[in-house]
Amino acid sequence: MSSNTNVLRVGLAGCGTVGSGVVRVLGENKDWLRTRSGREIVLTHLLEHSPQKLQGLPVPTGLIVTDDPAQLTDNPDIDVVIELMGGIDSPGAFIMRALDNGKHVVTANKALLAEAGLPLLEKAAERGVSLLYEASVAGGIPIVQAMKESLAANRIVSLSGILNGTSNYILSKMEAAGTDFATALAQAQELGFAEADPSLDIDGQDAAHKLVILIRLAYGTEYPYTQLPVQGIRDIDQLDIGFAREFGYHIKLLGTVRAEDGSLQAGIFPTLIRKSALLAQVSGAFNAVWLHGNAVESLFFHGKGAGSMPTASAVVGDLLALARGTAPNNTGFVSQIPSAARIMPPA
């Protein structure tokens, strides 16, 4: 770890859409971040195979660009490692090594956290370091920190969310413009909302990853990703949209969890929502989370669920928490390792 406590030295792995946003926020808001945290946050190392991605970005003086992960994970002068590479196996090994070397980690990798997050949480608890992941769920919406801290007094009765902007964009276009599914998907791809292979989005897996993380935060338990019932929107057509409209509903792809008698009922499904409901008004590529706590009652979070700068905002927010010296709070519970959830049979 760095011996200079007035400087937080950061290594960034990945300079794609979100990583470039992080470089921009750290550069353009440098003085403001120091005012907020009392420390200078300095990007010292970048793990990236394509240095040309830095063109046009406010690159700090002396930044070391490398293709060797060990220059970040094993470097005693780096305090925090940010993982924005994507994928599961290589990023998982990268984060594990960084944690084992006593470094704090910030990641936006929802697939890794949902499918293989428990060993990382265990390692972070063992080493007494932070594993922060605000950017992994709903982009710029501060739902993770809110559930860890501001809502910690509550038992969460239920939670529902529009957790995938691509699917929500497609359904919104089908509803508003009368386009068919294939045309709406093609438009989403043209605008960059959908990947060339959109399966993770339209088949519900991306939303499922995020719901698993939200369940951990809400209940302190592990609902295995492989056991979560998931249905996407691939089979929704204009006939469905028309019938829903006739009866006063919109169709949204929702991730939902509800606690009942100590068990959890959860899943990802296309859902009929009355047009007057707040969730029904969420259109385009936006995300939203509605939850009900036994003390706070109903709350609604809404905002951009993806994109370079909104997601970078969440990543740098986690950096600020570390710069202030916040004690590790990786799950929002005393136990930093979630226990097994009691799962209600899907039927």
Protein backbone atom coordinates (compact mmCIF):
# COMPACT_ATOMS: atom_id res chain seq x y z
CA MET A 1 0.00 0.00 0.00
CA SER A 2 1.08 3.58 -0.61
CA SER A 3 2.72 5.28 2.37
CA ASN A 4 1.33 8.70 1.39
CA THR A 5 -2.07 8.90 3.09
CA ASN A 6 -2.95 12.17 1.31
CA VAL A 7 -2.96 10.43 -2.06
CA LEU A 8 -5.13 7.51 -3.17
CA ARG A 9 -3.28 5.74 -5.98
CA VAL A 10 -5.47 3.87 -8.43
CA GLY A 11 -4.88 1.21 -11.07
CA LEU A 12 -7.56 0.86 -13.76
CA ALA A 13 -8.08 -2.36 -15.73
CA GLY A 14 -9.95 -1.65 -18.96
CA CYS A 15 -10.48 1.58 -20.90
CA GLY A 16 -13.61 0.81 -22.86
CA THR A 17 -16.93 2.62 -22.58
CA VAL A 18 -16.98 2.83 -18.78
CA GLY A 19 -13.21 2.96 -18.26
CA SER A 20 -12.85 5.96 -20.55
CA GLY A 21 -15.62 7.66 -18.56
CA VAL A 22 -13.70 7.00 -15.34
CA VAL A 23 -10.54 8.57 -16.83
CA ARG A 24 -12.60 11.58 -17.87
CA VAL A 25 -14.30 12.04 -14.48
CA LEU A 26 -11.01 11.68 -12.58
CA GLY A 27 -9.38 14.23 -14.87
CA GLU A 28 -12.13 16.80 -15.29
CA ASN A 29 -13.35 16.69 -11.66
CA LYS A 30 -9.93 16.33 -10.02
CA ASP A 31 -10.16 19.41 -7.79
CA TRP A 32 -13.80 18.72 -6.88
CA LEU A 33 -12.97 15.15 -5.87
CA ARG A 34 -10.22 16.44 -3.58
CA THR A 35 -12.70 18.89 -2.04
CA ARG A 36 -15.18 16.07 -1.41
CA SER A 37 -12.73 13.52 -0.02
CA GLY A 38 -9.82 15.49 1.40
CA ARG A 39 -7.39 13.44 -0.69
CA GLU A 40 -5.96 13.52 -4.17
CA ILE A 41 -7.11 10.57 -6.28
CA VAL A 42 -4.40 9.75 -8.82
CA LEU A 43 -4.67 7.27 -11.68
CA THR A 44 -1.15 5.82 -11.89
CA HIS A 45 -1.55 2.60 -13.95
CA LEU A 46 -3.82 1.46 -16.77
CA LEU A 47 -4.12 -2.16 -17.87
CA GLU A 48 -5.07 -1.90 -21.54
CA HIS A 49 -3.98 -3.65 -24.73
CA SER A 50 -5.04 -0.72 -26.95
CA PRO A 51 -3.44 2.55 -25.69
CA GLN A 52 -5.09 4.44 -28.57
CA LYS A 53 -8.30 4.34 -26.53
CA LEU A 54 -6.79 7.15 -24.44
CA GLN A 55 -6.91 9.63 -27.33
CA GLY A 56 -8.91 12.71 -26.40
CA LEU A 57 -9.04 11.84 -22.69
CA PRO A 58 -7.53 13.94 -19.86
CA VAL A 59 -4.68 11.49 -19.19
CA PRO A 60 -2.74 12.22 -15.99
CA THR A 61 0.97 12.98 -16.25
CA GLY A 62 3.11 9.90 -15.76
CA LEU A 63 0.34 7.35 -16.34
CA ILE A 64 1.85 3.91 -16.93
CA VAL A 65 0.00 1.89 -19.59
CA THR A 66 0.69 -1.84 -19.42
CA ASP A 67 -0.62 -5.20 -20.59
CA ASP A 68 0.72 -6.98 -17.49
CA PRO A 69 -1.99 -7.47 -14.80
CA ALA A 70 0.67 -7.98 -12.10
CA GLN A 71 1.74 -4.35 -12.46
CA LEU A 72 -1.59 -3.51 -10.86
CA THR A 73 -2.38 -6.45 -8.60
CA ASP A 74 1.16 -6.85 -7.20
CA ASN A 75 2.22 -3.22 -7.06
CA PRO A 76 2.72 -2.04 -3.45
CA ASP A 77 2.21 1.59 -4.50
CA ILE A 78 -1.36 1.02 -5.74
CA ASP A 79 -4.12 1.32 -3.12
CA VAL A 80 -7.21 0.56 -5.22
CA VAL A 81 -7.75 -1.53 -8.34
CA ILE A 82 -10.73 -0.82 -10.62
CA GLU A 83 -11.83 -3.77 -12.77
CA LEU A 84 -13.79 -2.80 -15.90
CA MET A 85 -12.69 -5.57 -18.26
CA GLY A 86 -15.88 -7.63 -18.35
CA GLY A 87 -16.16 -11.41 -18.41
CA ILE A 88 -15.83 -13.85 -15.54
CA ASP A 89 -12.74 -16.06 -15.46
CA SER A 90 -9.89 -13.61 -16.15
CA PRO A 91 -11.43 -10.68 -14.22
CA GLY A 92 -12.24 -13.06 -11.33
CA ALA A 93 -8.62 -14.18 -11.09
CA PHE A 94 -7.46 -10.56 -11.41
CA ILE A 95 -9.72 -9.34 -8.59
CA MET A 96 -8.86 -12.32 -6.38
CA ARG A 97 -5.14 -11.60 -6.67
CA ALA A 98 -5.65 -7.90 -5.94
CA LEU A 99 -7.74 -8.69 -2.84
CA ASP A 100 -5.23 -11.28 -1.68
CA ASN A 101 -2.54 -8.60 -1.91
CA GLY A 102 -4.56 -6.35 0.39
CA LYS A 103 -5.90 -3.95 -2.21
CA HIS A 104 -9.38 -2.49 -2.29
CA VAL A 105 -11.31 -3.30 -5.47
CA VAL A 106 -14.03 -1.42 -7.34
CA THR A 107 -15.87 -3.25 -10.12
CA ALA A 108 -18.89 -2.91 -12.40
CA ASN A 109 -18.88 -6.60 -13.29
CA LYS A 110 -22.39 -7.82 -12.49
CA ALA A 111 -21.97 -11.19 -14.22
CA LEU A 112 -18.89 -12.00 -12.16
CA LEU A 113 -20.48 -10.84 -8.90
CA ALA A 114 -23.70 -12.78 -9.54
CA GLU A 115 -22.18 -16.03 -10.79
CA ALA A 116 -18.88 -16.17 -8.87
CA GLY A 117 -19.04 -13.40 -6.30
CA LEU A 118 -19.05 -15.39 -3.07
CA PRO A 119 -15.34 -16.40 -3.16
CA LEU A 120 -14.45 -12.74 -3.79
CA LEU A 121 -16.56 -11.57 -0.84
CA GLU A 122 -14.93 -14.24 1.32
CA LYS A 123 -11.44 -13.12 0.28
CA ALA A 124 -12.28 -9.45 0.90
CA ALA A 125 -13.57 -10.33 4.39
CA GLU A 126 -10.46 -12.44 5.10
CA ARG A 127 -8.11 -9.61 4.08
CA GLY A 128 -10.19 -6.81 5.64
CA VAL A 129 -10.51 -4.82 2.41
CA SER A 130 -13.40 -3.37 0.43
CA LEU A 131 -15.01 -4.87 -2.66
CA LEU A 132 -17.31 -2.14 -3.97
CA TYR A 133 -19.72 -2.46 -6.89
CA GLU A 134 -22.17 0.45 -7.08
CA ALA A 135 -21.81 0.50 -10.87
CA SER A 136 -22.81 -3.14 -11.26
CA VAL A 137 -26.55 -2.49 -10.85
CA ALA A 138 -28.57 0.18 -12.66
CA GLY A 139 -25.63 2.28 -13.87
CA GLY A 140 -25.71 5.73 -12.31
CA ILE A 141 -28.61 5.03 -9.91
CA PRO A 142 -27.14 4.88 -6.35
CA ILE A 143 -29.18 1.83 -5.32
CA VAL A 144 -26.32 -0.28 -3.90
CA GLN A 145 -25.14 2.30 -1.37
CA ALA A 146 -28.72 3.18 -0.46
CA MET A 147 -29.50 -0.44 0.39
CA LYS A 148 -26.25 -0.92 2.32
CA GLU A 149 -26.63 2.18 4.47
CA SER A 150 -29.61 4.52 4.11
CA LEU A 151 -32.17 1.68 4.09
CA ALA A 152 -30.35 -0.64 6.48
CA ALA A 153 -32.95 -0.07 9.21
CA ASN A 154 -35.62 -1.70 7.05
CA ARG A 155 -36.73 -5.20 6.35
CA ILE A 156 -37.27 -5.15 2.60
CA VAL A 157 -40.74 -6.55 1.97
CA SER A 158 -40.49 -6.50 -1.82
CA LEU A 159 -38.44 -5.08 -4.66
CA SER A 160 -39.17 -4.75 -8.38
CA GLY A 161 -36.98 -3.23 -11.03
CA ILE A 162 -36.53 -2.47 -14.70
CA LEU A 163 -32.92 -3.57 -14.69
CA ASN A 164 -32.06 -3.80 -18.38
CA GLY A 165 -32.17 -0.72 -20.58
CA THR A 166 -32.00 -2.61 -23.87
CA SER A 167 -35.14 -4.62 -23.17
CA ASN A 168 -36.94 -1.56 -21.87
CA TYR A 169 -36.00 0.42 -25.00
CA ILE A 170 -37.35 -2.36 -27.25
CA LEU A 171 -40.63 -2.68 -25.35
CA SER A 172 -41.03 1.12 -25.27
CA LYS A 173 -40.55 1.35 -29.05
CA MET A 174 -43.01 -1.48 -29.63
CA GLU A 175 -45.55 0.31 -27.43
CA ALA A 176 -45.10 3.89 -28.67
CA ALA A 177 -44.32 3.39 -32.37
CA GLY A 178 -46.04 0.10 -33.11
CA THR A 179 -42.81 -1.45 -34.41
CA ASP A 180 -42.28 -5.18 -34.32
CA PHE A 181 -39.68 -6.82 -32.07
CA ALA A 182 -37.04 -7.34 -34.77
CA THR A 183 -37.22 -3.70 -35.94
CA ALA A 184 -37.04 -2.34 -32.39
CA LEU A 185 -34.04 -4.57 -31.66
CA ALA A 186 -32.27 -3.38 -34.82
CA GLN A 187 -32.86 0.25 -33.80
CA ALA A 188 -31.45 -0.48 -30.32
CA GLN A 189 -28.34 -1.95 -31.94
CA GLU A 190 -27.93 1.07 -34.24
CA LEU A 191 -28.06 3.40 -31.23
CA GLY A 192 -25.56 1.31 -29.24
CA PHE A 193 -28.11 0.18 -26.64
CA ALA A 194 -27.82 -3.46 -27.74
CA GLU A 195 -24.78 -5.58 -28.57
CA ALA A 196 -24.35 -7.43 -31.87
CA ASP A 197 -25.33 -10.52 -29.86
CA PRO A 198 -28.16 -9.18 -27.66
CA SER A 199 -28.97 -12.51 -25.96
CA LEU A 200 -27.94 -11.50 -22.44
CA ASP A 201 -30.27 -8.51 -22.61
CA ILE A 202 -33.34 -9.79 -24.40
CA ASP A 203 -33.30 -13.23 -22.75
CA GLY A 204 -33.16 -11.75 -19.26
CA GLN A 205 -29.74 -12.91 -18.02
CA ASP A 206 -28.35 -9.39 -17.60
CA ALA A 207 -31.32 -8.41 -15.43
CA ALA A 208 -30.94 -11.70 -13.52
CA HIS A 209 -27.32 -10.89 -12.65
CA LYS A 210 -28.41 -7.57 -11.18
CA LEU A 211 -31.32 -9.10 -9.27
CA VAL A 212 -29.01 -11.62 -7.57
CA ILE A 213 -26.87 -8.71 -6.34
CA LEU A 214 -29.93 -6.78 -5.12
CA ILE A 215 -31.19 -9.85 -3.24
CA ARG A 216 -27.86 -10.08 -1.39
CA LEU A 217 -28.14 -6.43 -0.41
CA ALA A 218 -31.80 -6.63 0.60
CA TYR A 219 -31.76 -9.88 2.58
CA GLY A 220 -28.12 -10.78 3.27
CA THR A 221 -28.66 -14.14 1.59
CA GLU A 222 -27.45 -15.88 -1.55
CA TYR A 223 -30.04 -16.74 -4.17
CA PRO A 224 -28.01 -18.78 -6.70
CA TYR A 225 -28.10 -17.31 -10.19
CA THR A 226 -28.60 -20.77 -11.66
CA GLN A 227 -31.80 -21.27 -9.63
CA LEU A 228 -33.42 -17.95 -10.53
CA PRO A 229 -36.43 -18.32 -12.87
CA VAL A 230 -35.72 -16.21 -15.97
CA GLN A 231 -37.88 -15.38 -18.98
CA GLY A 232 -36.91 -12.73 -21.54
CA ILE A 233 -38.83 -10.69 -24.09
CA ARG A 234 -37.83 -12.48 -27.31
CA ASP A 235 -41.37 -13.84 -27.82
CA ILE A 236 -43.26 -10.59 -27.15
CA ASP A 237 -45.07 -9.38 -30.27
CA GLN A 238 -47.51 -6.63 -31.23
CA LEU A 239 -50.47 -8.88 -30.39
CA ASP A 240 -49.29 -8.97 -26.75
CA ILE A 241 -48.71 -5.21 -26.74
CA GLY A 242 -52.16 -4.60 -28.19
CA PHE A 243 -54.01 -6.78 -25.69
CA ALA A 244 -52.10 -5.17 -22.80
CA ARG A 245 -53.00 -1.69 -24.08
CA GLU A 246 -56.67 -2.65 -24.40
CA PHE A 247 -56.84 -3.56 -20.71
CA GLY A 248 -54.83 -0.54 -19.52
CA TYR A 249 -51.39 -2.10 -19.10
CA HIS A 250 -47.83 -1.78 -20.37
CA ILE A 251 -45.51 -4.78 -20.63
CA LYS A 252 -42.15 -4.40 -18.85
CA LEU A 253 -39.35 -6.86 -18.18
CA LEU A 254 -39.21 -6.86 -14.38
CA GLY A 255 -36.83 -8.36 -11.87
CA THR A 256 -38.83 -9.03 -8.72
CA VAL A 257 -38.21 -10.43 -5.25
CA ARG A 258 -40.64 -10.73 -2.36
CA ALA A 259 -40.18 -12.10 1.15
CA GLU A 260 -42.92 -14.35 2.46
CA ASP A 261 -42.75 -16.42 5.68
CA GLY A 262 -38.95 -16.39 5.66
CA SER A 263 -38.67 -17.55 2.04
CA LEU A 264 -37.92 -15.57 -1.11
CA GLN A 265 -39.99 -15.55 -4.26
CA ALA A 266 -37.95 -14.08 -7.13
CA GLY A 267 -37.55 -14.07 -10.90
CA ILE A 268 -37.20 -12.15 -14.16
CA PHE A 269 -40.41 -12.01 -16.22
CA PRO A 270 -42.29 -9.86 -18.76
CA THR A 271 -44.95 -8.33 -16.54
CA LEU A 272 -48.22 -6.47 -17.03
CA ILE A 273 -48.09 -3.11 -15.21
CA ARG A 274 -51.00 -0.67 -15.02
CA LYS A 275 -50.33 2.46 -17.07
CA SER A 276 -50.81 4.67 -14.01
CA ALA A 277 -47.94 2.98 -12.09
CA LEU A 278 -44.56 4.70 -11.90
CA LEU A 279 -42.75 1.68 -13.31
CA ALA A 280 -44.99 1.79 -16.38
CA GLN A 281 -43.81 5.36 -17.11
CA VAL A 282 -40.13 4.33 -17.36
CA SER A 283 -39.36 4.45 -21.07
CA GLY A 284 -36.38 4.11 -23.38
CA ALA A 285 -33.09 2.82 -22.06
CA PHE A 286 -33.72 4.00 -18.49
CA ASN A 287 -33.69 1.79 -15.40
CA ALA A 288 -35.81 2.00 -12.26
CA VAL A 289 -36.09 0.23 -8.91
CA TRP A 290 -39.19 0.29 -6.73
CA LEU A 291 -38.95 -1.17 -3.24
CA HIS A 292 -41.05 -1.42 -0.12
CA GLY A 293 -39.43 -1.37 3.33
CA ASN A 294 -41.32 -2.08 6.52
CA ALA A 295 -40.28 1.31 7.97
CA VAL A 296 -39.71 3.62 4.99
CA GLU A 297 -42.63 2.14 2.99
CA SER A 298 -42.36 2.80 -0.79
CA LEU A 299 -39.35 4.30 -2.58
CA PHE A 300 -38.69 4.74 -6.28
CA PHE A 301 -35.27 5.14 -7.93
CA HIS A 302 -35.00 6.16 -11.59
CA GLY A 303 -32.14 7.05 -13.92
CA LYS A 304 -29.72 6.01 -16.62
CA GLY A 305 -28.83 2.35 -16.25
CA ALA A 306 -25.81 2.33 -18.55
CA GLY A 307 -23.49 4.58 -20.55
CA SER A 308 -20.00 5.89 -20.12
CA MET A 309 -20.48 8.83 -17.77
CA PRO A 310 -23.44 7.63 -15.62
CA THR A 311 -21.65 4.35 -14.86
CA ALA A 312 -18.33 6.15 -14.34
CA SER A 313 -20.13 8.35 -11.80
CA ALA A 314 -20.94 5.23 -9.77
CA VAL A 315 -17.38 3.87 -10.05
CA VAL A 316 -15.82 7.14 -8.87
CA GLY A 317 -18.40 7.38 -6.09
CA ASP A 318 -16.99 4.13 -4.73
CA LEU A 319 -13.47 5.59 -5.02
CA LEU A 320 -14.56 8.57 -2.93
CA ALA A 321 -15.84 6.26 -0.20
CA LEU A 322 -12.43 4.59 -0.10
CA ALA A 323 -10.61 7.94 -0.17
CA ARG A 324 -12.54 8.98 2.93
CA GLY A 325 -11.31 5.88 4.73
CA THR A 326 -14.66 4.14 4.99
CA ALA A 327 -14.42 0.80 6.78
CA PRO A 328 -15.19 -2.26 4.59
CA ASN A 329 -18.95 -2.72 4.17
CA ASN A 330 -19.23 -5.07 1.24
CA THR A 331 -22.70 -6.53 1.88
CA GLY A 332 -24.46 -4.11 4.21
CA PHE A 333 -24.54 -6.76 6.97
CA VAL A 334 -22.24 -7.68 9.87
CA SER A 335 -21.59 -10.95 8.09
CA GLN A 336 -19.67 -10.10 4.93
CA ILE A 337 -20.54 -13.52 3.47
CA PRO A 338 -24.24 -14.07 2.59
CA SER A 339 -25.94 -17.20 3.89
CA ALA A 340 -28.03 -19.48 1.69
CA ALA A 341 -31.47 -18.11 0.89
CA ARG A 342 -34.66 -20.03 1.59
CA ILE A 343 -36.20 -20.17 -1.86
CA MET A 344 -39.91 -20.48 -2.46
CA PRO A 345 -40.70 -23.06 -5.19
CA PRO A 346 -41.38 -21.11 -8.42
CA ALA A 347 -44.77 -22.79 -8.84
